[in-house]
Amino acid sequence: MNFPENLKYTKDHEWLLLDGDTATIGITEYAQQELGDIVYVEVETKGKDLGAGDAFGTVEAVKTVSDLFMPVKGVVTEVNPLLESQPDKVNSDPYGEGWIVKVKVENPADAESLLDAASYQKTIA
């Protein structure tokens, strides 16, 4: 299983890639494997200011629906348009084309409180 070292992780299985004050957020390879085939991604929070831990959307798999949670406080600025027609990108490329949202982070230092790759691996072991 892949755990890119340049990402930060949450115990809820989201990943975050910080570039200045913009974060790209998705779900981990582990999460997509646990969910199974993803058939729909719903994010209706574009433009909303959300706190860390707030739900920003859902992913629907064949057998379940799972909430997506914000790793840090910020405003959702972009939703991956590719997922509207190809939600399976979350399965096939969770750290690349399968990203879910981009967020303008209120305080980029908050990302430091998230898990690094080694710590995240320990939580799912």
C-alpha atoms as a PDB file:
ATOM      1  CA  MET A   1       0.000   0.000   0.000  1.00  0.00           C
ATOM      2  CA  ASN A   2       1.184   3.489  -0.839  1.00  0.00           C
ATOM      3  CA  PHE A   3       1.658   6.232   1.791  1.00  0.00           C
ATOM      4  CA  PRO A   4       3.360   9.229   0.125  1.00  0.00           C
ATOM      5  CA  GLU A   5       5.798  10.894   2.525  1.00  0.00           C
ATOM      6  CA  ASN A   6       4.960  14.414   1.270  1.00  0.00           C
ATOM      7  CA  LEU A   7       1.353  14.193   2.496  1.00  0.00           C
ATOM      8  CA  LYS A   8      -0.291  14.678   5.881  1.00  0.00           C
ATOM      9  CA  TYR A   9      -3.012  12.285   7.037  1.00  0.00           C
ATOM     10  CA  THR A  10      -6.012  12.171   9.374  1.00  0.00           C
ATOM     11  CA  LYS A  11      -7.323   9.311  11.503  1.00  0.00           C
ATOM     12  CA  ASP A  12     -10.461   9.553   9.334  1.00  0.00           C
ATOM     13  CA  HIS A  13      -8.356   8.538   6.282  1.00  0.00           C
ATOM     14  CA  GLU A  14      -8.144  11.850   4.447  1.00  0.00           C
ATOM     15  CA  TRP A  15      -4.838  13.076   3.050  1.00  0.00           C
ATOM     16  CA  LEU A  16      -3.691  16.671   2.601  1.00  0.00           C
ATOM     17  CA  LEU A  17      -1.040  18.181   0.341  1.00  0.00           C
ATOM     18  CA  LEU A  18      -0.178  21.734   1.361  1.00  0.00           C
ATOM     19  CA  ASP A  19       1.148  24.257  -1.167  1.00  0.00           C
ATOM     20  CA  GLY A  20       1.408  27.658   0.529  1.00  0.00           C
ATOM     21  CA  ASP A  21      -2.097  28.310   1.874  1.00  0.00           C
ATOM     22  CA  THR A  22      -3.807  25.937  -0.577  1.00  0.00           C
ATOM     23  CA  ALA A  23      -4.475  22.345   0.408  1.00  0.00           C
ATOM     24  CA  THR A  24      -5.468  19.544  -1.932  1.00  0.00           C
ATOM     25  CA  ILE A  25      -7.493  16.912  -0.063  1.00  0.00           C
ATOM     26  CA  GLY A  26      -8.550  13.373  -0.905  1.00  0.00           C
ATOM     27  CA  ILE A  27      -8.962   9.977   0.716  1.00  0.00           C
ATOM     28  CA  THR A  28      -6.163   7.503   1.242  1.00  0.00           C
ATOM     29  CA  GLU A  29      -5.476   4.340  -0.689  1.00  0.00           C
ATOM     30  CA  TYR A  30      -6.441   2.412   2.455  1.00  0.00           C
ATOM     31  CA  ALA A  31      -9.820   4.208   2.655  1.00  0.00           C
ATOM     32  CA  GLN A  32     -10.730   3.595  -0.980  1.00  0.00           C
ATOM     33  CA  GLN A  33      -9.833  -0.104  -0.616  1.00  0.00           C
ATOM     34  CA  GLU A  34     -12.021  -0.405   2.487  1.00  0.00           C
ATOM     35  CA  LEU A  35     -14.942   1.338   0.747  1.00  0.00           C
ATOM     36  CA  GLY A  36     -14.721  -0.682  -2.451  1.00  0.00           C
ATOM     37  CA  ASP A  37     -15.838   0.587  -5.855  1.00  0.00           C
ATOM     38  CA  ILE A  38     -16.728   4.279  -5.557  1.00  0.00           C
ATOM     39  CA  VAL A  39     -19.723   5.194  -7.692  1.00  0.00           C
ATOM     40  CA  TYR A  40     -20.433   8.792  -6.624  1.00  0.00           C
ATOM     41  CA  VAL A  41     -18.670  11.700  -4.923  1.00  0.00           C
ATOM     42  CA  GLU A  42     -20.820  14.517  -3.548  1.00  0.00           C
ATOM     43  CA  VAL A  43     -19.398  17.843  -2.396  1.00  0.00           C
ATOM     44  CA  GLU A  44     -21.846  20.718  -1.890  1.00  0.00           C
ATOM     45  CA  THR A  45     -19.579  22.868   0.277  1.00  0.00           C
ATOM     46  CA  LYS A  46     -17.749  24.894  -2.389  1.00  0.00           C
ATOM     47  CA  GLY A  47     -17.316  28.446  -1.088  1.00  0.00           C
ATOM     48  CA  LYS A  48     -18.072  27.464   2.495  1.00  0.00           C
ATOM     49  CA  ASP A  49     -15.792  28.155   5.449  1.00  0.00           C
ATOM     50  CA  LEU A  50     -15.443  24.897   7.374  1.00  0.00           C
ATOM     51  CA  GLY A  51     -13.643  23.964  10.556  1.00  0.00           C
ATOM     52  CA  ALA A  52     -11.287  21.042  11.065  1.00  0.00           C
ATOM     53  CA  GLY A  53     -13.397  17.923  11.516  1.00  0.00           C
ATOM     54  CA  ASP A  54     -16.439  19.323   9.686  1.00  0.00           C
ATOM     55  CA  ALA A  55     -17.948  17.145   6.965  1.00  0.00           C
ATOM     56  CA  PHE A  56     -17.291  18.583   3.505  1.00  0.00           C
ATOM     57  CA  GLY A  57     -18.915  15.861   1.387  1.00  0.00           C
ATOM     58  CA  THR A  58     -19.542  12.160   0.942  1.00  0.00           C
ATOM     59  CA  VAL A  59     -18.266   9.271  -1.132  1.00  0.00           C
ATOM     60  CA  GLU A  60     -20.708   6.575  -2.139  1.00  0.00           C
ATOM     61  CA  ALA A  61     -19.500   3.076  -2.792  1.00  0.00           C
ATOM     62  CA  VAL A  62     -21.553   0.118  -3.961  1.00  0.00           C
ATOM     63  CA  LYS A  63     -22.408  -0.935  -0.378  1.00  0.00           C
ATOM     64  CA  THR A  64     -21.946   2.195   1.758  1.00  0.00           C
ATOM     65  CA  VAL A  65     -21.794   5.984   1.981  1.00  0.00           C
ATOM     66  CA  SER A  66     -18.997   7.628   3.949  1.00  0.00           C
ATOM     67  CA  ASP A  67     -18.610  11.232   5.109  1.00  0.00           C
ATOM     68  CA  LEU A  68     -15.504  13.224   4.198  1.00  0.00           C
ATOM     69  CA  PHE A  69     -13.985  15.403   6.931  1.00  0.00           C
ATOM     70  CA  MET A  70     -11.887  18.570   6.721  1.00  0.00           C
ATOM     71  CA  PRO A  71      -8.356  18.026   8.044  1.00  0.00           C
ATOM     72  CA  VAL A  72      -7.875  21.781   8.685  1.00  0.00           C
ATOM     73  CA  LYS A  73      -9.999  24.944   8.859  1.00  0.00           C
ATOM     74  CA  GLY A  74     -10.515  26.681   5.529  1.00  0.00           C
ATOM     75  CA  VAL A  75     -12.738  27.538   2.570  1.00  0.00           C
ATOM     76  CA  VAL A  76     -13.456  24.951  -0.136  1.00  0.00           C
ATOM     77  CA  THR A  77     -12.361  26.692  -3.340  1.00  0.00           C
ATOM     78  CA  GLU A  78     -12.526  23.887  -5.890  1.00  0.00           C
ATOM     79  CA  VAL A  79     -14.135  20.473  -6.360  1.00  0.00           C
ATOM     80  CA  ASN A  80     -12.442  17.996  -8.697  1.00  0.00           C
ATOM     81  CA  PRO A  81     -14.607  18.217 -11.862  1.00  0.00           C
ATOM     82  CA  LEU A  82     -13.306  14.866 -13.126  1.00  0.00           C
ATOM     83  CA  LEU A  83     -15.105  13.006 -10.329  1.00  0.00           C
ATOM     84  CA  GLU A  84     -18.525  13.983 -11.660  1.00  0.00           C
ATOM     85  CA  SER A  85     -18.115  11.655 -14.636  1.00  0.00           C
ATOM     86  CA  GLN A  86     -15.340   9.400 -13.289  1.00  0.00           C
ATOM     87  CA  PRO A  87     -15.768   8.869  -9.517  1.00  0.00           C
ATOM     88  CA  ASP A  88     -13.718   5.666  -9.875  1.00  0.00           C
ATOM     89  CA  LYS A  89     -10.585   7.880 -10.144  1.00  0.00           C
ATOM     90  CA  VAL A  90     -10.704   7.922  -6.327  1.00  0.00           C
ATOM     91  CA  ASN A  91     -10.088   4.150  -6.494  1.00  0.00           C
ATOM     92  CA  SER A  92      -7.590   4.044  -9.337  1.00  0.00           C
ATOM     93  CA  ASP A  93      -5.519   7.145  -8.472  1.00  0.00           C
ATOM     94  CA  PRO A  94      -6.371   8.334  -4.920  1.00  0.00           C
ATOM     95  CA  TYR A  95      -3.278  10.565  -4.594  1.00  0.00           C
ATOM     96  CA  GLY A  96      -3.385  11.958  -8.140  1.00  0.00           C
ATOM     97  CA  GLU A  97      -6.405  12.462 -10.400  1.00  0.00           C
ATOM     98  CA  GLY A  98      -8.662  11.198  -7.592  1.00  0.00           C
ATOM     99  CA  TRP A  99      -8.191  14.271  -5.368  1.00  0.00           C
ATOM    100  CA  ILE A 100     -11.529  15.585  -4.093  1.00  0.00           C
ATOM    101  CA  VAL A 101     -11.280  19.268  -3.087  1.00  0.00           C
ATOM    102  CA  LYS A 102      -8.913  22.213  -2.872  1.00  0.00           C
ATOM    103  CA  VAL A 103      -9.119  24.451   0.171  1.00  0.00           C
ATOM    104  CA  LYS A 104      -7.764  27.885   1.070  1.00  0.00           C
ATOM    105  CA  VAL A 105      -6.361  27.094   4.501  1.00  0.00           C
ATOM    106  CA  GLU A 106      -6.882  29.672   7.250  1.00  0.00           C
ATOM    107  CA  ASN A 107      -3.698  28.732   9.118  1.00  0.00           C
ATOM    108  CA  PRO A 108      -1.250  26.534   7.149  1.00  0.00           C
ATOM    109  CA  ALA A 109       0.617  25.696  10.394  1.00  0.00           C
ATOM    110  CA  ASP A 110      -2.454  23.650  11.441  1.00  0.00           C
ATOM    111  CA  ALA A 111      -1.337  20.965   8.975  1.00  0.00           C
ATOM    112  CA  GLU A 112       1.612  20.234  11.266  1.00  0.00           C
ATOM    113  CA  SER A 113      -0.789  18.675  13.794  1.00  0.00           C
ATOM    114  CA  LEU A 114      -1.826  15.999  11.276  1.00  0.00           C
ATOM    115  CA  LEU A 115      -0.223  12.554  11.001  1.00  0.00           C
ATOM    116  CA  ASP A 116       2.861  11.908   8.921  1.00  0.00           C
ATOM    117  CA  ALA A 117       2.996   8.795   6.708  1.00  0.00           C
ATOM    118  CA  ALA A 118       4.620   6.579   9.374  1.00  0.00           C
ATOM    119  CA  SER A 119       2.110   7.606  12.070  1.00  0.00           C
ATOM    120  CA  TYR A 120      -0.821   7.052   9.717  1.00  0.00           C
ATOM    121  CA  GLN A 121       0.454   3.552   8.848  1.00  0.00           C
ATOM    122  CA  LYS A 122       0.511   2.723  12.569  1.00  0.00           C
ATOM    123  CA  THR A 123      -3.140   3.794  12.981  1.00  0.00           C
ATOM    124  CA  ILE A 124      -4.332   1.373  10.304  1.00  0.00           C
ATOM    125  CA  ALA A 125      -2.046  -1.532  11.212  1.00  0.00           C
END
